[in-house]
């Protein structure tokens, strides 16, 4: 992903609107590009600040900083990969079981 593409995905990332492929590419780029990381931090701070002002000022989700949001997304991707691997293993086990029954 190029910087312009990543920068265009700041708001969708903050709003949890990226699919798994986009999220993986976004996080890989943001971890390697300091310029995009800094710009993302600014966007995140602005957006979350505006949401805080519009809210009842009690929402804990608004207290998460930009780095923590990235870590949570990375954890989500890891859990997604584990779930996909579990599905494949289950499918293989079921296929082996069917073959053994025949």
PDB file of N, CA and C in Angstrom:
ATOM      1  N   UNK A   1       0.836  -1.177   0.000  1.00  0.00           N
ATOM      2  CA  UNK A   1       0.000   0.000   0.000  1.00  0.00           C
ATOM      3  C   UNK A   1       0.883   1.243   0.000  1.00  0.00           C
ATOM      4  N   UNK A   2       0.472   2.219  -0.758  1.00  0.00           N
ATOM      5  CA  UNK A   2       1.188   3.489  -0.818  1.00  0.00           C
ATOM      6  C   UNK A   2       0.659   4.430   0.270  1.00  0.00           C
ATOM      7  N   UNK A   3       1.446   5.454   0.570  1.00  0.00           N
ATOM      8  CA  UNK A   3       1.065   6.398   1.630  1.00  0.00           C
ATOM      9  C   UNK A   3      -0.305   7.020   1.374  1.00  0.00           C
ATOM     10  N   UNK A   4      -0.595   7.424   0.127  1.00  0.00           N
ATOM     11  CA  UNK A   4      -1.885   8.052  -0.164  1.00  0.00           C
ATOM     12  C   UNK A   4      -3.040   7.100   0.120  1.00  0.00           C
ATOM     13  N   UNK A   5      -2.875   5.833  -0.231  1.00  0.00           N
ATOM     14  CA  UNK A   5      -3.924   4.844   0.044  1.00  0.00           C
ATOM     15  C   UNK A   5      -4.141   4.691   1.547  1.00  0.00           C
ATOM     16  N   UNK A   6      -3.044   4.611   2.286  1.00  0.00           N
ATOM     17  CA  UNK A   6      -3.126   4.451   3.737  1.00  0.00           C
ATOM     18  C   UNK A   6      -3.794   5.662   4.358  1.00  0.00           C
ATOM     19  N   UNK A   7      -3.402   6.839   3.932  1.00  0.00           N
ATOM     20  CA  UNK A   7      -3.976   8.058   4.479  1.00  0.00           C
ATOM     21  C   UNK A   7      -5.476   8.151   4.186  1.00  0.00           C
ATOM     22  N   UNK A   8      -5.898   7.594   3.065  1.00  0.00           N
ATOM     23  CA  UNK A   8      -7.314   7.563   2.738  1.00  0.00           C
ATOM     24  C   UNK A   8      -8.094   6.562   3.582  1.00  0.00           C
ATOM     25  N   UNK A   9      -7.380   5.701   4.304  1.00  0.00           N
ATOM     26  CA  UNK A   9      -8.026   4.676   5.120  1.00  0.00           C
ATOM     27  C   UNK A   9      -7.974   4.988   6.622  1.00  0.00           C
ATOM     28  N   UNK A  10      -7.476   6.164   6.994  1.00  0.00           N
ATOM     29  CA  UNK A  10      -7.425   6.527   8.417  1.00  0.00           C
ATOM     30  C   UNK A  10      -8.820   6.476   9.041  1.00  0.00           C
ATOM     31  N   UNK A  11      -9.765   7.163   8.433  1.00  0.00           N
ATOM     32  CA  UNK A  11     -11.114   7.226   9.005  1.00  0.00           C
ATOM     33  C   UNK A  11     -11.798   5.862   8.961  1.00  0.00           C
ATOM     34  N   UNK A  12     -11.746   5.128   7.829  1.00  0.00           N
ATOM     35  CA  UNK A  12     -12.325   3.782   7.856  1.00  0.00           C
ATOM     36  C   UNK A  12     -11.680   2.880   8.921  1.00  0.00           C
ATOM     37  N   UNK A  13     -10.387   3.028   9.159  1.00  0.00           N
ATOM     38  CA  UNK A  13      -9.730   2.244  10.203  1.00  0.00           C
ATOM     39  C   UNK A  13     -10.276   2.619  11.578  1.00  0.00           C
ATOM     40  N   UNK A  14     -10.352   3.890  11.841  1.00  0.00           N
ATOM     41  CA  UNK A  14     -10.841   4.366  13.134  1.00  0.00           C
ATOM     42  C   UNK A  14     -12.287   3.913  13.364  1.00  0.00           C
ATOM     43  N   UNK A  15     -13.067   3.848  12.280  1.00  0.00           N
ATOM     44  CA  UNK A  15     -14.470   3.442  12.365  1.00  0.00           C
ATOM     45  C   UNK A  15     -14.670   1.932  12.222  1.00  0.00           C
ATOM     46  N   UNK A  16     -13.604   1.160  12.211  1.00  0.00           N
ATOM     47  CA  UNK A  16     -13.673  -0.305  12.062  1.00  0.00           C
ATOM     48  C   UNK A  16     -14.380  -0.716  10.774  1.00  0.00           C
ATOM     49  N   UNK A  17     -14.045  -0.088   9.671  1.00  0.00           N
ATOM     50  CA  UNK A  17     -14.711  -0.367   8.404  1.00  0.00           C
ATOM     51  C   UNK A  17     -13.810  -1.071   7.386  1.00  0.00           C
ATOM     52  N   UNK A  18     -12.603  -1.453   7.771  1.00  0.00           N
ATOM     53  CA  UNK A  18     -11.695  -2.126   6.843  1.00  0.00           C
ATOM     54  C   UNK A  18     -11.922  -3.628   6.888  1.00  0.00           C
ATOM     55  N   UNK A  19     -11.851  -4.261   5.704  1.00  0.00           N
ATOM     56  CA  UNK A  19     -11.922  -5.723   5.707  1.00  0.00           C
ATOM     57  C   UNK A  19     -10.559  -6.271   6.143  1.00  0.00           C
ATOM     58  N   UNK A  20     -10.470  -7.575   6.296  1.00  0.00           N
ATOM     59  CA  UNK A  20      -9.248  -8.183   6.846  1.00  0.00           C
ATOM     60  C   UNK A  20      -8.010  -7.913   5.990  1.00  0.00           C
ATOM     61  N   UNK A  21      -8.160  -7.984   4.683  1.00  0.00           N
ATOM     62  CA  UNK A  21      -7.017  -7.732   3.794  1.00  0.00           C
ATOM     63  C   UNK A  21      -6.562  -6.281   3.902  1.00  0.00           C
ATOM     64  N   UNK A  22      -7.516  -5.360   3.855  1.00  0.00           N
ATOM     65  CA  UNK A  22      -7.185  -3.940   3.969  1.00  0.00           C
ATOM     66  C   UNK A  22      -6.549  -3.641   5.320  1.00  0.00           C
ATOM     67  N   UNK A  23      -7.090  -4.244   6.370  1.00  0.00           N
ATOM     68  CA  UNK A  23      -6.569  -4.022   7.716  1.00  0.00           C
ATOM     69  C   UNK A  23      -5.127  -4.516   7.822  1.00  0.00           C
ATOM     70  N   UNK A  24      -4.863  -5.683   7.280  1.00  0.00           N
ATOM     71  CA  UNK A  24      -3.504  -6.240   7.311  1.00  0.00           C
ATOM     72  C   UNK A  24      -2.521  -5.322   6.578  1.00  0.00           C
ATOM     73  N   UNK A  25      -2.899  -4.871   5.391  1.00  0.00           N
ATOM     74  CA  UNK A  25      -2.031  -3.979   4.605  1.00  0.00           C
ATOM     75  C   UNK A  25      -1.859  -2.628   5.298  1.00  0.00           C
ATOM     76  N   UNK A  26      -2.936  -2.109   5.851  1.00  0.00           N
ATOM     77  CA  UNK A  26      -2.893  -0.826   6.557  1.00  0.00           C
ATOM     78  C   UNK A  26      -1.923  -0.897   7.734  1.00  0.00           C
ATOM     79  N   UNK A  27      -2.065  -1.926   8.553  1.00  0.00           N
ATOM     80  CA  UNK A  27      -1.216  -2.057   9.743  1.00  0.00           C
ATOM     81  C   UNK A  27       0.245  -2.282   9.370  1.00  0.00           C
ATOM     82  N   UNK A  28       0.483  -3.070   8.328  1.00  0.00           N
ATOM     83  CA  UNK A  28       1.869  -3.301   7.890  1.00  0.00           C
ATOM     84  C   UNK A  28       2.521  -1.984   7.475  1.00  0.00           C
ATOM     85  N   UNK A  29       1.780  -1.168   6.742  1.00  0.00           N
ATOM     86  CA  UNK A  29       2.338   0.109   6.281  1.00  0.00           C
ATOM     87  C   UNK A  29       2.528   1.075   7.448  1.00  0.00           C
ATOM     88  N   UNK A  30       1.527   1.171   8.293  1.00  0.00           N
ATOM     89  CA  UNK A  30       1.570   2.151   9.388  1.00  0.00           C
ATOM     90  C   UNK A  30       2.716   1.845  10.354  1.00  0.00           C
ATOM     91  N   UNK A  31       3.066   0.568  10.503  1.00  0.00           N
ATOM     92  CA  UNK A  31       4.172   0.177  11.380  1.00  0.00           C
ATOM     93  C   UNK A  31       5.535   0.494  10.761  1.00  0.00           C
ATOM     94  N   UNK A  32       5.586   0.632   9.445  1.00  0.00           N
ATOM     95  CA  UNK A  32       6.871   0.875   8.775  1.00  0.00           C
ATOM     96  C   UNK A  32       7.088   2.328   8.366  1.00  0.00           C
ATOM     97  N   UNK A  33       6.008   3.086   8.217  1.00  0.00           N
ATOM     98  CA  UNK A  33       6.108   4.455   7.712  1.00  0.00           C
ATOM     99  C   UNK A  33       5.848   5.446   8.844  1.00  0.00           C
ATOM    100  N   UNK A  34       6.891   6.099   9.303  1.00  0.00           N
ATOM    101  CA  UNK A  34       6.760   7.053  10.415  1.00  0.00           C
ATOM    102  C   UNK A  34       5.894   8.250  10.038  1.00  0.00           C
ATOM    103  N   UNK A  35       5.967   8.692   8.779  1.00  0.00           N
ATOM    104  CA  UNK A  35       5.153   9.835   8.354  1.00  0.00           C
ATOM    105  C   UNK A  35       3.665   9.505   8.462  1.00  0.00           C
ATOM    106  N   UNK A  36       3.280   8.335   7.980  1.00  0.00           N
ATOM    107  CA  UNK A  36       1.872   7.923   8.063  1.00  0.00           C
ATOM    108  C   UNK A  36       1.461   7.694   9.510  1.00  0.00           C
ATOM    109  N   UNK A  37       2.372   7.153  10.318  1.00  0.00           N
ATOM    110  CA  UNK A  37       2.078   6.939  11.743  1.00  0.00           C
ATOM    111  C   UNK A  37       1.786   8.274  12.423  1.00  0.00           C
ATOM    112  N   UNK A  38       2.605   9.278  12.147  1.00  0.00           N
ATOM    113  CA  UNK A  38       2.398  10.586  12.764  1.00  0.00           C
ATOM    114  C   UNK A  38       1.100  11.231  12.290  1.00  0.00           C
ATOM    115  N   UNK A  39       0.820  11.118  10.992  1.00  0.00           N
ATOM    116  CA  UNK A  39      -0.411  11.700  10.469  1.00  0.00           C
ATOM    117  C   UNK A  39      -1.645  10.972  11.018  1.00  0.00           C
ATOM    118  N   UNK A  40      -1.535   9.651  11.139  1.00  0.00           N
ATOM    119  CA  UNK A  40      -2.630   8.868  11.733  1.00  0.00           C
ATOM    120  C   UNK A  40      -2.877   9.316  13.172  1.00  0.00           C
ATOM    121  N   UNK A  41      -1.808   9.522  13.938  1.00  0.00           N
ATOM    122  CA  UNK A  41      -1.950   9.976  15.324  1.00  0.00           C
ATOM    123  C   UNK A  41      -2.728  11.289  15.398  1.00  0.00           C
ATOM    124  N   UNK A  42      -2.437  12.188  14.475  1.00  0.00           N
ATOM    125  CA  UNK A  42      -3.128  13.483  14.449  1.00  0.00           C
ATOM    126  C   UNK A  42      -4.607  13.284  14.119  1.00  0.00           C
ATOM    127  N   UNK A  43      -4.894  12.504  13.060  1.00  0.00           N
ATOM    128  CA  UNK A  43      -6.287  12.217  12.694  1.00  0.00           C
ATOM    129  C   UNK A  43      -7.036  11.582  13.857  1.00  0.00           C
ATOM    130  N   UNK A  44      -6.410  10.582  14.463  1.00  0.00           N
ATOM    131  CA  UNK A  44      -7.060   9.851  15.554  1.00  0.00           C
ATOM    132  C   UNK A  44      -7.387  10.791  16.709  1.00  0.00           C
ATOM    133  N   UNK A  45      -6.421  11.613  17.084  1.00  0.00           N
ATOM    134  CA  UNK A  45      -6.617  12.544  18.189  1.00  0.00           C
ATOM    135  C   UNK A  45      -7.746  13.530  17.877  1.00  0.00           C
ATOM    136  N   UNK A  46      -7.767  14.054  16.643  1.00  0.00           N
ATOM    137  CA  UNK A  46      -8.819  14.991  16.254  1.00  0.00           C
ATOM    138  C   UNK A  46     -10.195  14.332  16.274  1.00  0.00           C
ATOM    139  N   UNK A  47     -10.300  13.172  15.640  1.00  0.00           N
ATOM    140  CA  UNK A  47     -11.593  12.493  15.538  1.00  0.00           C
ATOM    141  C   UNK A  47     -12.107  12.085  16.911  1.00  0.00           C
ATOM    142  N   UNK A  48     -11.237  11.503  17.718  1.00  0.00           N
ATOM    143  CA  UNK A  48     -11.672  11.059  19.038  1.00  0.00           C
ATOM    144  C   UNK A  48     -11.984  12.256  19.933  1.00  0.00           C
ATOM    145  N   UNK A  49     -11.269  13.346  19.751  1.00  0.00           N
ATOM    146  CA  UNK A  49     -11.573  14.569  20.497  1.00  0.00           C
ATOM    147  C   UNK A  49     -12.948  15.111  20.137  1.00  0.00           C
ATOM    148  N   UNK A  50     -13.269  15.107  18.838  1.00  0.00           N
ATOM    149  CA  UNK A  50     -14.590  15.564  18.414  1.00  0.00           C
ATOM    150  C   UNK A  50     -15.676  14.629  18.943  1.00  0.00           C
ATOM    151  N   UNK A  51     -15.432  13.334  18.904  1.00  0.00           N
ATOM    152  CA  UNK A  51     -16.410  12.377  19.434  1.00  0.00           C
ATOM    153  C   UNK A  51     -16.608  12.570  20.933  1.00  0.00           C
ATOM    154  N   UNK A  52     -15.533  12.882  21.614  1.00  0.00           N
ATOM    155  CA  UNK A  52     -15.632  13.121  23.058  1.00  0.00           C
ATOM    156  C   UNK A  52     -16.521  14.329  23.335  1.00  0.00           C
ATOM    157  N   UNK A  53     -16.296  15.397  22.574  1.00  0.00           N
ATOM    158  CA  UNK A  53     -17.096  16.611  22.779  1.00  0.00           C
ATOM    159  C   UNK A  53     -18.564  16.379  22.449  1.00  0.00           C
ATOM    160  N   UNK A  54     -18.844  15.505  21.467  1.00  0.00           N
ATOM    161  CA  UNK A  54     -20.224  15.229  21.069  1.00  0.00           C
ATOM    162  C   UNK A  54     -20.908  14.217  21.987  1.00  0.00           C
ATOM    163  N   UNK A  55     -20.133  13.483  22.773  1.00  0.00           N
ATOM    164  CA  UNK A  55     -20.693  12.416  23.607  1.00  0.00           C
ATOM    165  C   UNK A  55     -21.103  12.953  24.970  1.00  0.00           C
ATOM    166  N   UNK A  56     -21.502  12.013  25.822  1.00  0.00           N
ATOM    167  CA  UNK A  56     -21.861  12.388  27.190  1.00  0.00           C
ATOM    168  C   UNK A  56     -20.622  12.442  28.092  1.00  0.00           C
ATOM    169  N   UNK A  57     -19.448  12.413  27.505  1.00  0.00           N
ATOM    170  CA  UNK A  57     -18.153  12.519  28.197  1.00  0.00           C
ATOM    171  C   UNK A  57     -17.865  11.358  29.147  1.00  0.00           C
ATOM    172  N   UNK A  58     -18.567  10.257  29.018  1.00  0.00           N
ATOM    173  CA  UNK A  58     -18.341   9.101  29.888  1.00  0.00           C
ATOM    174  C   UNK A  58     -17.909   7.855  29.128  1.00  0.00           C
ATOM    175  N   UNK A  59     -17.783   7.914  27.835  1.00  0.00           N
ATOM    176  CA  UNK A  59     -17.499   6.724  27.042  1.00  0.00           C
ATOM    177  C   UNK A  59     -16.029   6.336  27.165  1.00  0.00           C
ATOM    178  N   UNK A  60     -15.783   5.098  27.601  1.00  0.00           N
ATOM    179  CA  UNK A  60     -14.409   4.643  27.793  1.00  0.00           C
ATOM    180  C   UNK A  60     -13.695   4.405  26.467  1.00  0.00           C
ATOM    181  N   UNK A  61     -14.436   4.093  25.385  1.00  0.00           N
ATOM    182  CA  UNK A  61     -13.796   3.858  24.095  1.00  0.00           C
ATOM    183  C   UNK A  61     -13.053   5.098  23.606  1.00  0.00           C
ATOM    184  N   UNK A  62     -13.464   6.257  24.089  1.00  0.00           N
ATOM    185  CA  UNK A  62     -12.817   7.497  23.680  1.00  0.00           C
ATOM    186  C   UNK A  62     -11.498   7.713  24.410  1.00  0.00           C
ATOM    187  N   UNK A  63     -11.240   6.920  25.424  1.00  0.00           N
ATOM    188  CA  UNK A  63     -10.019   7.061  26.196  1.00  0.00           C
ATOM    189  C   UNK A  63      -8.863   6.237  25.626  1.00  0.00           C
ATOM    190  N   UNK A  64      -9.117   5.462  24.584  1.00  0.00           N
ATOM    191  CA  UNK A  64      -8.080   4.632  23.970  1.00  0.00           C
ATOM    192  C   UNK A  64      -7.211   5.524  23.093  1.00  0.00           C
ATOM    193  N   UNK A  65      -5.890   5.415  23.252  1.00  0.00           N
ATOM    194  CA  UNK A  65      -5.010   6.229  22.421  1.00  0.00           C
ATOM    195  C   UNK A  65      -4.754   5.543  21.077  1.00  0.00           C
ATOM    196  N   UNK A  66      -4.134   6.269  20.163  1.00  0.00           N
ATOM    197  CA  UNK A  66      -3.951   5.777  18.791  1.00  0.00           C
ATOM    198  C   UNK A  66      -3.099   4.512  18.743  1.00  0.00           C
ATOM    199  N   UNK A  67      -2.076   4.427  19.558  1.00  0.00           N
ATOM    200  CA  UNK A  67      -1.217   3.234  19.575  1.00  0.00           C
ATOM    201  C   UNK A  67      -1.980   2.025  20.106  1.00  0.00           C
ATOM    202  N   UNK A  68      -2.770   2.236  21.124  1.00  0.00           N
ATOM    203  CA  UNK A  68      -3.561   1.131  21.677  1.00  0.00           C
ATOM    204  C   UNK A  68      -4.571   0.639  20.641  1.00  0.00           C
ATOM    205  N   UNK A  69      -5.140   1.551  19.859  1.00  0.00           N
ATOM    206  CA  UNK A  69      -6.092   1.181  18.807  1.00  0.00           C
ATOM    207  C   UNK A  69      -5.410   0.301  17.768  1.00  0.00           C
ATOM    208  N   UNK A  70      -4.171   0.611  17.415  1.00  0.00           N
ATOM    209  CA  UNK A  70      -3.410  -0.204  16.463  1.00  0.00           C
ATOM    210  C   UNK A  70      -3.128  -1.581  17.058  1.00  0.00           C
ATOM    211  N   UNK A  71      -2.720  -1.627  18.320  1.00  0.00           N
ATOM    212  CA  UNK A  71      -2.451  -2.919  18.973  1.00  0.00           C
ATOM    213  C   UNK A  71      -3.700  -3.789  19.025  1.00  0.00           C
ATOM    214  N   UNK A  72      -4.842  -3.168  19.309  1.00  0.00           N
ATOM    215  CA  UNK A  72      -6.095  -3.927  19.337  1.00  0.00           C
ATOM    216  C   UNK A  72      -6.420  -4.491  17.959  1.00  0.00           C
ATOM    217  N   UNK A  73      -6.159  -3.728  16.915  1.00  0.00           N
ATOM    218  CA  UNK A  73      -6.406  -4.203  15.552  1.00  0.00           C
ATOM    219  C   UNK A  73      -5.462  -5.357  15.216  1.00  0.00           C
ATOM    220  N   UNK A  74      -4.212  -5.258  15.656  1.00  0.00           N
ATOM    221  CA  UNK A  74      -3.260  -6.355  15.428  1.00  0.00           C
ATOM    222  C   UNK A  74      -3.699  -7.614  16.176  1.00  0.00           C
ATOM    223  N   UNK A  75      -4.169  -7.449  17.394  1.00  0.00           N
ATOM    224  CA  UNK A  75      -4.682  -8.595  18.162  1.00  0.00           C
ATOM    225  C   UNK A  75      -5.885  -9.215  17.464  1.00  0.00           C
ATOM    226  N   UNK A  76      -6.763  -8.381  16.948  1.00  0.00           N
ATOM    227  CA  UNK A  76      -7.929  -8.866  16.214  1.00  0.00           C
ATOM    228  C   UNK A  76      -7.507  -9.693  15.007  1.00  0.00           C
ATOM    229  N   UNK A  77      -6.531  -9.195  14.244  1.00  0.00           N
ATOM    230  CA  UNK A  77      -6.048  -9.938  13.074  1.00  0.00           C
ATOM    231  C   UNK A  77      -5.460 -11.281  13.474  1.00  0.00           C
ATOM    232  N   UNK A  78      -4.714 -11.313  14.571  1.00  0.00           N
ATOM    233  CA  UNK A  78      -4.142 -12.569  15.048  1.00  0.00           C
ATOM    234  C   UNK A  78      -5.251 -13.552  15.416  1.00  0.00           C
ATOM    235  N   UNK A  79      -6.258 -13.084  16.116  1.00  0.00           N
ATOM    236  CA  UNK A  79      -7.384 -13.954  16.481  1.00  0.00           C
ATOM    237  C   UNK A  79      -8.114 -14.446  15.234  1.00  0.00           C
ATOM    238  N   UNK A  80      -8.243 -13.594  14.237  1.00  0.00           N
ATOM    239  CA  UNK A  80      -8.886 -13.974  12.981  1.00  0.00           C
ATOM    240  C   UNK A  80      -8.097 -15.089  12.292  1.00  0.00           C
ATOM    241  N   UNK A  81      -6.774 -14.945  12.251  1.00  0.00           N
ATOM    242  CA  UNK A  81      -5.926 -15.975  11.640  1.00  0.00           C
ATOM    243  C   UNK A  81      -6.042 -17.296  12.387  1.00  0.00           C
ATOM    244  N   UNK A  82      -6.066 -17.244  13.699  1.00  0.00           N
ATOM    245  CA  UNK A  82      -6.199 -18.469  14.508  1.00  0.00           C
ATOM    246  C   UNK A  82      -7.541 -19.135  14.225  1.00  0.00           C
ATOM    247  N   UNK A  83      -8.595 -18.351  14.144  1.00  0.00           N
ATOM    248  CA  UNK A  83      -9.918 -18.898  13.847  1.00  0.00           C
ATOM    249  C   UNK A  83      -9.940 -19.552  12.472  1.00  0.00           C
ATOM    250  N   UNK A  84      -9.318 -18.921  11.493  1.00  0.00           N
ATOM    251  CA  UNK A  84      -9.262 -19.503  10.153  1.00  0.00           C
ATOM    252  C   UNK A  84      -8.499 -20.823  10.167  1.00  0.00           C
ATOM    253  N   UNK A  85      -7.397 -20.871  10.901  1.00  0.00           N
ATOM    254  CA  UNK A  85      -6.616 -22.112  11.003  1.00  0.00           C
ATOM    255  C   UNK A  85      -7.435 -23.204  11.691  1.00  0.00           C
ATOM    256  N   UNK A  86      -8.180 -22.848  12.720  1.00  0.00           N
ATOM    257  CA  UNK A  86      -9.025 -23.821  13.407  1.00  0.00           C
ATOM    258  C   UNK A  86     -10.092 -24.380  12.474  1.00  0.00           C
ATOM    259  N   UNK A  87     -10.665 -23.532  11.642  1.00  0.00           N
ATOM    260  CA  UNK A  87     -11.669 -23.987  10.677  1.00  0.00           C
ATOM    261  C   UNK A  87     -11.065 -24.985   9.688  1.00  0.00           C
ATOM    262  N   UNK A  88      -9.868 -24.693   9.218  1.00  0.00           N
ATOM    263  CA  UNK A  88      -9.198 -25.590   8.267  1.00  0.00           C
ATOM    264  C   UNK A  88      -8.896 -26.928   8.929  1.00  0.00           C
ATOM    265  N   UNK A  89      -8.383 -26.880  10.145  1.00  0.00           N
ATOM    266  CA  UNK A  89      -8.066 -28.118  10.867  1.00  0.00           C
ATOM    267  C   UNK A  89      -9.338 -28.940  11.088  1.00  0.00           C
ATOM    268  N   UNK A  90     -10.410 -28.297  11.477  1.00  0.00           N
ATOM    269  CA  UNK A  90     -11.675 -29.000  11.682  1.00  0.00           C
ATOM    270  C   UNK A  90     -12.155 -29.637  10.386  1.00  0.00           C
ATOM    271  N   UNK A  91     -12.052 -28.926   9.298  1.00  0.00           N
ATOM    272  CA  UNK A  91     -12.451 -29.456   7.994  1.00  0.00           C
ATOM    273  C   UNK A  91     -11.619 -30.684   7.622  1.00  0.00           C
ATOM    274  N   UNK A  92     -10.313 -30.606   7.832  1.00  0.00           N
ATOM    275  CA  UNK A  92      -9.426 -31.729   7.529  1.00  0.00           C
ATOM    276  C   UNK A  92      -9.771 -32.938   8.394  1.00  0.00           C
ATOM    277  N   UNK A  93     -10.004 -32.715   9.679  1.00  0.00           N
ATOM    278  CA  UNK A  93     -10.358 -33.804  10.587  1.00  0.00           C
ATOM    279  C   UNK A  93     -11.675 -34.455  10.151  1.00  0.00           C
ATOM    280  N   UNK A  94     -12.652 -33.633   9.781  1.00  0.00           N
ATOM    281  CA  UNK A  94     -13.928 -34.170   9.312  1.00  0.00           C
ATOM    282  C   UNK A  94     -13.760 -34.982   8.029  1.00  0.00           C
ATOM    283  N   UNK A  95     -12.934 -34.506   7.121  1.00  0.00           N
ATOM    284  CA  UNK A  95     -12.682 -35.240   5.872  1.00  0.00           C
ATOM    285  C   UNK A  95     -12.002 -36.584   6.164  1.00  0.00           C
ATOM    286  N   UNK A  96     -11.032 -36.574   7.047  1.00  0.00           N
ATOM    287  CA  UNK A  96     -10.342 -37.826   7.414  1.00  0.00           C
ATOM    288  C   UNK A  96     -11.336 -38.783   8.066  1.00  0.00           C
ATOM    289  N   UNK A  97     -12.186 -38.262   8.934  1.00  0.00           N
ATOM    290  CA  UNK A  97     -13.203 -39.089   9.574  1.00  0.00           C
ATOM    291  C   UNK A  97     -14.153 -39.709   8.560  1.00  0.00           C
ATOM    292  N   UNK A  98     -14.578 -38.936   7.577  1.00  0.00           N
ATOM    293  CA  UNK A  98     -15.459 -39.454   6.533  1.00  0.00           C
ATOM    294  C   UNK A  98     -14.773 -40.543   5.716  1.00  0.00           C
ATOM    295  N   UNK A  99     -13.504 -40.323   5.387  1.00  0.00           N
ATOM    296  CA  UNK A  99     -12.760 -41.324   4.611  1.00  0.00           C
ATOM    297  C   UNK A  99     -12.623 -42.619   5.409  1.00  0.00           C
ATOM    298  N   UNK A 100     -12.370 -42.497   6.693  1.00  0.00           N
ATOM    299  CA  UNK A 100     -12.220 -43.689   7.536  1.00  0.00           C
ATOM    300  C   UNK A 100     -13.547 -44.436   7.695  1.00  0.00           C
ATOM    301  N   UNK A 101     -14.663 -43.710   7.681  1.00  0.00           N
ATOM    302  CA  UNK A 101     -15.969 -44.348   7.792  1.00  0.00           C
ATOM    303  C   UNK A 101     -16.354 -45.104   6.517  1.00  0.00           C
ATOM    304  N   UNK A 102     -15.846 -44.655   5.409  1.00  0.00           N
ATOM    305  CA  UNK A 102     -16.183 -45.313   4.143  1.00  0.00           C
ATOM    306  C   UNK A 102     -15.303 -46.500   3.988  1.00  0.00           C
TER     307      UNK A 102
END
